[in-house]
Amino acid sequence: MHELRRSLREIKKHSAPGADRISYEMLQKLPKCSIKAVLKLYNQICVNDDFKVSWRHSRVLPVLKPGKDPLNPAS
C-alpha cells in the first residue's frame, strides 16, 4: 500500500490519461477502500502474470517542440 500511495503522490500532475481515460489525478482522489481494490488487482496481475494483451501496447505521439526544426528527430 505504501508503494502505491508513494507512486501516486510522486506522479507528474496533468499527465494525459491512457486509453481507459483514467487520469492519475482520479486515482489520487480515490477513497482508501478503492485504493485497496486497485492494489489487490495490481498484485493479482503480477502474481498470476496475467497482463492483458491490450495492456502490452501503447501509442506514442511525437510532439514538435515550439520553435524547433521539424526535420531534426531531437526536436
PDB file of N, CA and C in Angstrom:
ATOM      1  N   MET A   1       0.835  -1.191   0.000  1.00  0.00           N
ATOM      2  CA  MET A   1       0.000   0.000   0.000  1.00  0.00           C
ATOM      3  C   MET A   1       0.880   1.255   0.000  1.00  0.00           C
ATOM      4  N   HIS A   2       1.940   1.197   0.799  1.00  0.00           N
ATOM      5  CA  HIS A   2       2.843   2.350   0.894  1.00  0.00           C
ATOM      6  C   HIS A   2       3.446   2.691  -0.477  1.00  0.00           C
ATOM      7  N   GLU A   3       3.873   1.661  -1.212  1.00  0.00           N
ATOM      8  CA  GLU A   3       4.483   1.894  -2.524  1.00  0.00           C
ATOM      9  C   GLU A   3       3.490   2.510  -3.505  1.00  0.00           C
ATOM     10  N   LEU A   4       2.268   2.015  -3.509  1.00  0.00           N
ATOM     11  CA  LEU A   4       1.248   2.540  -4.408  1.00  0.00           C
ATOM     12  C   LEU A   4       0.933   3.998  -4.072  1.00  0.00           C
ATOM     13  N   ARG A   5       0.748   4.294  -2.804  1.00  0.00           N
ATOM     14  CA  ARG A   5       0.454   5.673  -2.399  1.00  0.00           C
ATOM     15  C   ARG A   5       1.606   6.614  -2.751  1.00  0.00           C
ATOM     16  N   ARG A   6       2.842   6.156  -2.528  1.00  0.00           N
ATOM     17  CA  ARG A   6       4.006   6.980  -2.855  1.00  0.00           C
ATOM     18  C   ARG A   6       4.074   7.217  -4.363  1.00  0.00           C
ATOM     19  N   SER A   7       3.826   6.184  -5.152  1.00  0.00           N
ATOM     20  CA  SER A   7       3.853   6.330  -6.609  1.00  0.00           C
ATOM     21  C   SER A   7       2.803   7.322  -7.088  1.00  0.00           C
ATOM     22  N   LEU A   8       1.613   7.255  -6.529  1.00  0.00           N
ATOM     23  CA  LEU A   8       0.555   8.181  -6.916  1.00  0.00           C
ATOM     24  C   LEU A   8       0.877   9.613  -6.498  1.00  0.00           C
ATOM     25  N   ARG A   9       1.553   9.752  -5.374  1.00  0.00           N
ATOM     26  CA  ARG A   9       1.930  11.084  -4.892  1.00  0.00           C
ATOM     27  C   ARG A   9       3.010  11.707  -5.780  1.00  0.00           C
ATOM     28  N   GLU A  10       3.944  10.865  -6.268  1.00  0.00           N
ATOM     29  CA  GLU A  10       5.102  11.370  -6.996  1.00  0.00           C
ATOM     30  C   GLU A  10       4.883  11.496  -8.500  1.00  0.00           C
ATOM     31  N   ILE A  11       3.756  11.030  -8.989  1.00  0.00           N
ATOM     32  CA  ILE A  11       3.496  11.072 -10.435  1.00  0.00           C
ATOM     33  C   ILE A  11       3.321  12.516 -10.895  1.00  0.00           C
ATOM     34  N   LYS A  12       3.660  12.784 -12.145  1.00  0.00           N
ATOM     35  CA  LYS A  12       3.515  14.129 -12.696  1.00  0.00           C
ATOM     36  C   LYS A  12       2.049  14.533 -12.715  1.00  0.00           C
ATOM     37  N   LYS A  13       1.802  15.728 -12.299  1.00  0.00           N
ATOM     38  CA  LYS A  13       0.443  16.278 -12.375  1.00  0.00           C
ATOM     39  C   LYS A  13       0.142  16.593 -13.836  1.00  0.00           C
ATOM     40  N   HIS A  14      -1.103  16.500 -14.192  1.00  0.00           N
ATOM     41  CA  HIS A  14      -1.582  16.857 -15.530  1.00  0.00           C
ATOM     42  C   HIS A  14      -1.046  15.957 -16.635  1.00  0.00           C
ATOM     43  N   SER A  15      -0.636  14.724 -16.334  1.00  0.00           N
ATOM     44  CA  SER A  15      -0.228  13.824 -17.408  1.00  0.00           C
ATOM     45  C   SER A  15      -1.496  13.286 -18.080  1.00  0.00           C
ATOM     46  N   ALA A  16      -1.373  12.975 -19.339  1.00  0.00           N
ATOM     47  CA  ALA A  16      -2.533  12.543 -20.117  1.00  0.00           C
ATOM     48  C   ALA A  16      -2.970  11.136 -19.706  1.00  0.00           C
ATOM     49  N   PRO A  17      -4.272  10.898 -19.648  1.00  0.00           N
ATOM     50  CA  PRO A  17      -4.749   9.553 -19.328  1.00  0.00           C
ATOM     51  C   PRO A  17      -4.503   8.599 -20.490  1.00  0.00           C
ATOM     52  N   GLY A  18      -4.542   7.325 -20.202  1.00  0.00           N
ATOM     53  CA  GLY A  18      -4.368   6.315 -21.240  1.00  0.00           C
ATOM     54  C   GLY A  18      -5.671   6.036 -21.959  1.00  0.00           C
ATOM     55  N   ALA A  19      -5.715   4.913 -22.659  1.00  0.00           N
ATOM     56  CA  ALA A  19      -6.897   4.543 -23.433  1.00  0.00           C
ATOM     57  C   ALA A  19      -8.127   4.362 -22.545  1.00  0.00           C
ATOM     58  N   ASP A  20      -7.907   4.030 -21.272  1.00  0.00           N
ATOM     59  CA  ASP A  20      -9.036   3.836 -20.350  1.00  0.00           C
ATOM     60  C   ASP A  20      -9.620   5.163 -19.867  1.00  0.00           C
ATOM     61  N   ARG A  21      -8.924   6.267 -20.184  1.00  0.00           N
ATOM     62  CA  ARG A  21      -9.344   7.619 -19.825  1.00  0.00           C
ATOM     63  C   ARG A  21      -9.345   7.872 -18.313  1.00  0.00           C
ATOM     64  N   ILE A  22      -8.585   7.075 -17.585  1.00  0.00           N
ATOM     65  CA  ILE A  22      -8.442   7.266 -16.138  1.00  0.00           C
ATOM     66  C   ILE A  22      -7.146   8.032 -15.902  1.00  0.00           C
ATOM     67  N   SER A  23      -7.257   9.204 -15.342  1.00  0.00           N
ATOM     68  CA  SER A  23      -6.063  10.018 -15.095  1.00  0.00           C
ATOM     69  C   SER A  23      -5.468   9.662 -13.732  1.00  0.00           C
ATOM     70  N   TYR A  24      -4.205  10.048 -13.551  1.00  0.00           N
ATOM     71  CA  TYR A  24      -3.569   9.829 -12.256  1.00  0.00           C
ATOM     72  C   TYR A  24      -4.239  10.664 -11.180  1.00  0.00           C
ATOM     73  N   GLU A  25      -4.755  11.817 -11.577  1.00  0.00           N
ATOM     74  CA  GLU A  25      -5.459  12.662 -10.610  1.00  0.00           C
ATOM     75  C   GLU A  25      -6.698  11.943 -10.076  1.00  0.00           C
ATOM     76  N   MET A  26      -7.372  11.203 -10.935  1.00  0.00           N
ATOM     77  CA  MET A  26      -8.535  10.430 -10.484  1.00  0.00           C
ATOM     78  C   MET A  26      -8.102   9.373  -9.471  1.00  0.00           C
ATOM     79  N   LEU A  27      -7.018   8.669  -9.792  1.00  0.00           N
ATOM     80  CA  LEU A  27      -6.532   7.629  -8.881  1.00  0.00           C
ATOM     81  C   LEU A  27      -6.101   8.231  -7.550  1.00  0.00           C
ATOM     82  N   GLN A  28      -5.493   9.411  -7.584  1.00  0.00           N
ATOM     83  CA  GLN A  28      -5.041  10.062  -6.358  1.00  0.00           C
ATOM     84  C   GLN A  28      -6.203  10.414  -5.438  1.00  0.00           C
ATOM     85  N   LYS A  29      -7.380  10.641  -5.998  1.00  0.00           N
ATOM     86  CA  LYS A  29      -8.525  11.075  -5.202  1.00  0.00           C
ATOM     87  C   LYS A  29      -9.440   9.924  -4.774  1.00  0.00           C
ATOM     88  N   LEU A  30      -9.051   8.695  -5.091  1.00  0.00           N
ATOM     89  CA  LEU A  30      -9.871   7.552  -4.685  1.00  0.00           C
ATOM     90  C   LEU A  30      -9.880   7.397  -3.170  1.00  0.00           C
ATOM     91  N   PRO A  31     -11.000   6.946  -2.604  1.00  0.00           N
ATOM     92  CA  PRO A  31     -11.021   6.663  -1.165  1.00  0.00           C
ATOM     93  C   PRO A  31     -10.168   5.433  -0.852  1.00  0.00           C
ATOM     94  N   LYS A  32      -9.841   5.278   0.413  1.00  0.00           N
ATOM     95  CA  LYS A  32      -8.946   4.204   0.849  1.00  0.00           C
ATOM     96  C   LYS A  32      -9.437   2.819   0.415  1.00  0.00           C
ATOM     97  N   CYS A  33     -10.737   2.565   0.492  1.00  0.00           N
ATOM     98  CA  CYS A  33     -11.253   1.250   0.118  1.00  0.00           C
ATOM     99  C   CYS A  33     -11.039   0.974  -1.373  1.00  0.00           C
ATOM    100  N   SER A  34     -11.130   2.006  -2.197  1.00  0.00           N
ATOM    101  CA  SER A  34     -10.906   1.837  -3.629  1.00  0.00           C
ATOM    102  C   SER A  34      -9.426   1.646  -3.946  1.00  0.00           C
ATOM    103  N   ILE A  35      -8.571   2.353  -3.226  1.00  0.00           N
ATOM    104  CA  ILE A  35      -7.119   2.177  -3.393  1.00  0.00           C
ATOM    105  C   ILE A  35      -6.744   0.736  -3.063  1.00  0.00           C
ATOM    106  N   LYS A  36      -7.363   0.181  -2.018  1.00  0.00           N
ATOM    107  CA  LYS A  36      -7.102  -1.217  -1.648  1.00  0.00           C
ATOM    108  C   LYS A  36      -7.512  -2.158  -2.778  1.00  0.00           C
ATOM    109  N   ALA A  37      -8.640  -1.878  -3.426  1.00  0.00           N
ATOM    110  CA  ALA A  37      -9.112  -2.712  -4.534  1.00  0.00           C
ATOM    111  C   ALA A  37      -8.152  -2.628  -5.730  1.00  0.00           C
ATOM    112  N   VAL A  38      -7.659  -1.429  -6.019  1.00  0.00           N
ATOM    113  CA  VAL A  38      -6.697  -1.251  -7.109  1.00  0.00           C
ATOM    114  C   VAL A  38      -5.414  -2.012  -6.799  1.00  0.00           C
ATOM    115  N   LEU A  39      -4.941  -1.904  -5.565  1.00  0.00           N
ATOM    116  CA  LEU A  39      -3.731  -2.607  -5.154  1.00  0.00           C
ATOM    117  C   LEU A  39      -3.910  -4.122  -5.273  1.00  0.00           C
ATOM    118  N   LYS A  40      -5.062  -4.622  -4.858  1.00  0.00           N
ATOM    119  CA  LYS A  40      -5.340  -6.054  -4.958  1.00  0.00           C
ATOM    120  C   LYS A  40      -5.310  -6.501  -6.424  1.00  0.00           C
ATOM    121  N   LEU A  41      -5.904  -5.706  -7.308  1.00  0.00           N
ATOM    122  CA  LEU A  41      -5.900  -6.019  -8.737  1.00  0.00           C
ATOM    123  C   LEU A  41      -4.473  -6.049  -9.275  1.00  0.00           C
ATOM    124  N   TYR A  42      -3.680  -5.007  -8.974  1.00  0.00           N
ATOM    125  CA  TYR A  42      -2.293  -4.962  -9.436  1.00  0.00           C
ATOM    126  C   TYR A  42      -1.508  -6.170  -8.940  1.00  0.00           C
ATOM    127  N   ASN A  43      -1.677  -6.518  -7.673  1.00  0.00           N
ATOM    128  CA  ASN A  43      -0.947  -7.659  -7.113  1.00  0.00           C
ATOM    129  C   ASN A  43      -1.359  -8.973  -7.774  1.00  0.00           C
ATOM    130  N   GLN A  44      -2.650  -9.155  -8.027  1.00  0.00           N
ATOM    131  CA  GLN A  44      -3.109 -10.373  -8.706  1.00  0.00           C
ATOM    132  C   GLN A  44      -2.534 -10.473 -10.111  1.00  0.00           C
ATOM    133  N   ILE A  45      -2.496  -9.356 -10.811  1.00  0.00           N
ATOM    134  CA  ILE A  45      -1.943  -9.345 -12.162  1.00  0.00           C
ATOM    135  C   ILE A  45      -0.476  -9.750 -12.130  1.00  0.00           C
ATOM    136  N   CYS A  46       0.274  -9.210 -11.187  1.00  0.00           N
ATOM    137  CA  CYS A  46       1.701  -9.530 -11.091  1.00  0.00           C
ATOM    138  C   CYS A  46       1.942 -10.974 -10.671  1.00  0.00           C
ATOM    139  N   VAL A  47       1.218 -11.427  -9.668  1.00  0.00           N
ATOM    140  CA  VAL A  47       1.406 -12.790  -9.154  1.00  0.00           C
ATOM    141  C   VAL A  47       1.039 -13.839 -10.203  1.00  0.00           C
ATOM    142  N   ASN A  48      -0.066 -13.596 -10.908  1.00  0.00           N
ATOM    143  CA  ASN A  48      -0.538 -14.568 -11.902  1.00  0.00           C
ATOM    144  C   ASN A  48       0.052 -14.339 -13.293  1.00  0.00           C
ATOM    145  N   ASP A  49       0.876 -13.299 -13.443  1.00  0.00           N
ATOM    146  CA  ASP A  49       1.463 -12.945 -14.737  1.00  0.00           C
ATOM    147  C   ASP A  49       0.369 -12.867 -15.798  1.00  0.00           C
ATOM    148  N   ASP A  50      -0.695 -12.144 -15.462  1.00  0.00           N
ATOM    149  CA  ASP A  50      -1.893 -12.096 -16.292  1.00  0.00           C
ATOM    150  C   ASP A  50      -2.098 -10.706 -16.892  1.00  0.00           C
ATOM    151  N   PHE A  51      -1.115 -10.248 -17.656  1.00  0.00           N
ATOM    152  CA  PHE A  51      -1.242  -8.956 -18.319  1.00  0.00           C
ATOM    153  C   PHE A  51      -2.067  -9.126 -19.579  1.00  0.00           C
ATOM    154  N   LYS A  52      -3.115  -8.347 -19.699  1.00  0.00           N
ATOM    155  CA  LYS A  52      -3.972  -8.406 -20.879  1.00  0.00           C
ATOM    156  C   LYS A  52      -3.185  -7.957 -22.109  1.00  0.00           C
ATOM    157  N   VAL A  53      -3.476  -8.551 -23.249  1.00  0.00           N
ATOM    158  CA  VAL A  53      -2.778  -8.215 -24.482  1.00  0.00           C
ATOM    159  C   VAL A  53      -2.890  -6.723 -24.774  1.00  0.00           C
ATOM    160  N   SER A  54      -4.066  -6.145 -24.554  1.00  0.00           N
ATOM    161  CA  SER A  54      -4.258  -4.722 -24.842  1.00  0.00           C
ATOM    162  C   SER A  54      -3.403  -3.840 -23.933  1.00  0.00           C
ATOM    163  N   TRP A  55      -2.973  -4.340 -22.777  1.00  0.00           N
ATOM    164  CA  TRP A  55      -2.138  -3.574 -21.863  1.00  0.00           C
ATOM    165  C   TRP A  55      -0.678  -3.596 -22.286  1.00  0.00           C
ATOM    166  N   ARG A  56      -0.342  -4.434 -23.223  1.00  0.00           N
ATOM    167  CA  ARG A  56       1.048  -4.577 -23.646  1.00  0.00           C
ATOM    168  C   ARG A  56       1.402  -3.650 -24.796  1.00  0.00           C
ATOM    169  N   HIS A  57       0.469  -2.846 -25.214  1.00  0.00           N
ATOM    170  CA  HIS A  57       0.692  -1.937 -26.338  1.00  0.00           C
ATOM    171  C   HIS A  57       0.459  -0.502 -25.890  1.00  0.00           C
ATOM    172  N   SER A  58       1.122   0.399 -26.573  1.00  0.00           N
ATOM    173  CA  SER A  58       0.914   1.813 -26.274  1.00  0.00           C
ATOM    174  C   SER A  58       1.001   2.619 -27.558  1.00  0.00           C
ATOM    175  N   ARG A  59       0.515   3.824 -27.493  1.00  0.00           N
ATOM    176  CA  ARG A  59       0.629   4.754 -28.609  1.00  0.00           C
ATOM    177  C   ARG A  59       1.556   5.873 -28.185  1.00  0.00           C
ATOM    178  N   VAL A  60       2.497   6.164 -29.036  1.00  0.00           N
ATOM    179  CA  VAL A  60       3.427   7.251 -28.777  1.00  0.00           C
ATOM    180  C   VAL A  60       3.229   8.274 -29.877  1.00  0.00           C
ATOM    181  N   LEU A  61       2.877   9.470 -29.483  1.00  0.00           N
ATOM    182  CA  LEU A  61       2.647  10.548 -30.439  1.00  0.00           C
ATOM    183  C   LEU A  61       3.729  11.603 -30.272  1.00  0.00           C
ATOM    184  N   PRO A  62       4.602  11.746 -31.260  1.00  0.00           N
ATOM    185  CA  PRO A  62       5.641  12.769 -31.141  1.00  0.00           C
ATOM    186  C   PRO A  62       5.029  14.165 -31.247  1.00  0.00           C
ATOM    187  N   VAL A  63       5.532  15.062 -30.426  1.00  0.00           N
ATOM    188  CA  VAL A  63       5.057  16.446 -30.426  1.00  0.00           C
ATOM    189  C   VAL A  63       6.262  17.344 -30.676  1.00  0.00           C
ATOM    190  N   LEU A  64       6.175  18.139 -31.719  1.00  0.00           N
ATOM    191  CA  LEU A  64       7.271  19.040 -32.065  1.00  0.00           C
ATOM    192  C   LEU A  64       7.396  20.141 -31.019  1.00  0.00           C
ATOM    193  N   LYS A  65       8.606  20.352 -30.545  1.00  0.00           N
ATOM    194  CA  LYS A  65       8.856  21.424 -29.589  1.00  0.00           C
ATOM    195  C   LYS A  65       8.728  22.769 -30.310  1.00  0.00           C
ATOM    196  N   PRO A  66       8.131  23.750 -29.658  1.00  0.00           N
ATOM    197  CA  PRO A  66       7.948  25.061 -30.304  1.00  0.00           C
ATOM    198  C   PRO A  66       9.275  25.671 -30.749  1.00  0.00           C
ATOM    199  N   GLY A  67       9.300  26.183 -31.975  1.00  0.00           N
ATOM    200  CA  GLY A  67      10.478  26.864 -32.486  1.00  0.00           C
ATOM    201  C   GLY A  67      11.605  25.949 -32.914  1.00  0.00           C
ATOM    202  N   LYS A  68      11.372  24.632 -32.955  1.00  0.00           N
ATOM    203  CA  LYS A  68      12.424  23.683 -33.316  1.00  0.00           C
ATOM    204  C   LYS A  68      12.255  23.214 -34.756  1.00  0.00           C
ATOM    205  N   ASP A  69      13.335  22.698 -35.319  1.00  0.00           N
ATOM    206  CA  ASP A  69      13.346  22.213 -36.699  1.00  0.00           C
ATOM    207  C   ASP A  69      12.555  20.907 -36.793  1.00  0.00           C
ATOM    208  N   PRO A  70      11.487  20.880 -37.597  1.00  0.00           N
ATOM    209  CA  PRO A  70      10.681  19.663 -37.705  1.00  0.00           C
ATOM    210  C   PRO A  70      11.419  18.504 -38.378  1.00  0.00           C
ATOM    211  N   LEU A  71      12.533  18.780 -39.045  1.00  0.00           N
ATOM    212  CA  LEU A  71      13.294  17.709 -39.704  1.00  0.00           C
ATOM    213  C   LEU A  71      14.313  17.065 -38.767  1.00  0.00           C
ATOM    214  N   ASN A  72      14.539  17.669 -37.620  1.00  0.00           N
ATOM    215  CA  ASN A  72      15.511  17.145 -36.652  1.00  0.00           C
ATOM    216  C   ASN A  72      14.769  16.217 -35.672  1.00  0.00           C
ATOM    217  N   PRO A  73      15.113  14.918 -35.642  1.00  0.00           N
ATOM    218  CA  PRO A  73      14.421  13.986 -34.742  1.00  0.00           C
ATOM    219  C   PRO A  73      14.503  14.365 -33.266  1.00  0.00           C
ATOM    220  N   ALA A  74      15.530  15.091 -32.880  1.00  0.00           N
ATOM    221  CA  ALA A  74      15.659  15.503 -31.481  1.00  0.00           C
ATOM    222  C   ALA A  74      14.656  16.570 -31.098  1.00  0.00           C
ATOM    223  N   SER A  75      13.999  17.171 -32.088  1.00  0.00           N
ATOM    224  CA  SER A  75      13.008  18.217 -31.815  1.00  0.00           C
ATOM    225  C   SER A  75      11.691  17.601 -31.417  1.00  0.00           C
TER     226      SER A  75
END
